[in-house]
Amino acid sequence: SYGEMVACDNPGCKIEWFHYGCVGLREPPKGNWYCPDCVGTQRRRKGKS
């Protein structure tokens, strides 16, 4: 085990669960949290509109 994990709040996330250290977190996020892949996907979609 590598410690605490956080789930991406995007229902379509391909990975879903991430170790805090792998995504730069030290404590639980407040509110919704989206992984770097899903944040990038959202930015790309907004840019195409």
Protein backbone atom coordinates (compact mmCIF):
# COMPACT_ATOMS: atom_id res chain seq x y z
CA SER A 1 0.00 0.00 0.00
CA TYR A 2 1.19 3.49 -0.81
CA GLY A 3 -0.99 5.45 1.61
CA GLU A 4 -4.14 7.48 1.24
CA MET A 5 -6.03 7.59 -2.03
CA VAL A 6 -8.44 10.03 -3.64
CA ALA A 7 -11.12 9.36 -6.25
CA CYS A 8 -11.59 11.57 -9.30
CA ASP A 9 -15.12 13.05 -9.32
CA ASN A 10 -15.47 12.65 -13.08
CA PRO A 11 -17.80 9.65 -13.56
CA GLY A 12 -16.03 8.86 -16.85
CA CYS A 13 -12.48 8.90 -15.43
CA LYS A 14 -10.45 6.01 -16.85
CA ILE A 15 -8.28 5.59 -13.73
CA GLU A 16 -10.62 6.83 -10.95
CA TRP A 17 -8.38 6.26 -7.88
CA PHE A 18 -5.05 8.01 -7.23
CA HIS A 19 -2.47 8.00 -4.44
CA TYR A 20 -2.16 11.44 -2.83
CA GLY A 21 1.57 11.61 -3.54
CA CYS A 22 1.13 10.72 -7.21
CA VAL A 23 -1.13 13.73 -7.80
CA GLY A 24 0.62 16.17 -5.45
CA LEU A 25 -1.87 16.06 -2.56
CA ARG A 26 -0.94 15.99 1.11
CA GLU A 27 -4.44 16.12 2.58
CA PRO A 28 -7.97 15.33 1.41
CA PRO A 29 -9.28 17.84 -1.13
CA LYS A 30 -12.20 20.04 -0.12
CA GLY A 31 -15.13 19.65 -2.47
CA ASN A 32 -14.94 17.93 -5.82
CA TRP A 33 -11.53 16.84 -7.10
CA TYR A 34 -10.63 16.00 -10.71
CA CYS A 35 -7.45 14.23 -11.76
CA PRO A 36 -4.93 15.92 -14.09
CA ASP A 37 -6.16 13.87 -17.08
CA CYS A 38 -9.79 14.89 -16.58
CA VAL A 39 -8.89 18.54 -15.95
CA GLY A 40 -6.91 18.51 -19.23
CA THR A 41 -9.84 16.93 -21.08
CA GLN A 42 -12.21 19.62 -19.79
CA ARG A 43 -9.82 22.40 -20.84
CA ARG A 44 -9.45 20.92 -24.33
CA ARG A 45 -13.24 20.65 -24.74
CA LYS A 46 -13.77 24.27 -23.68
CA GLY A 47 -11.07 25.40 -26.10
CA LYS A 48 -12.80 23.71 -29.07
CA SER A 49 -16.13 25.52 -28.54
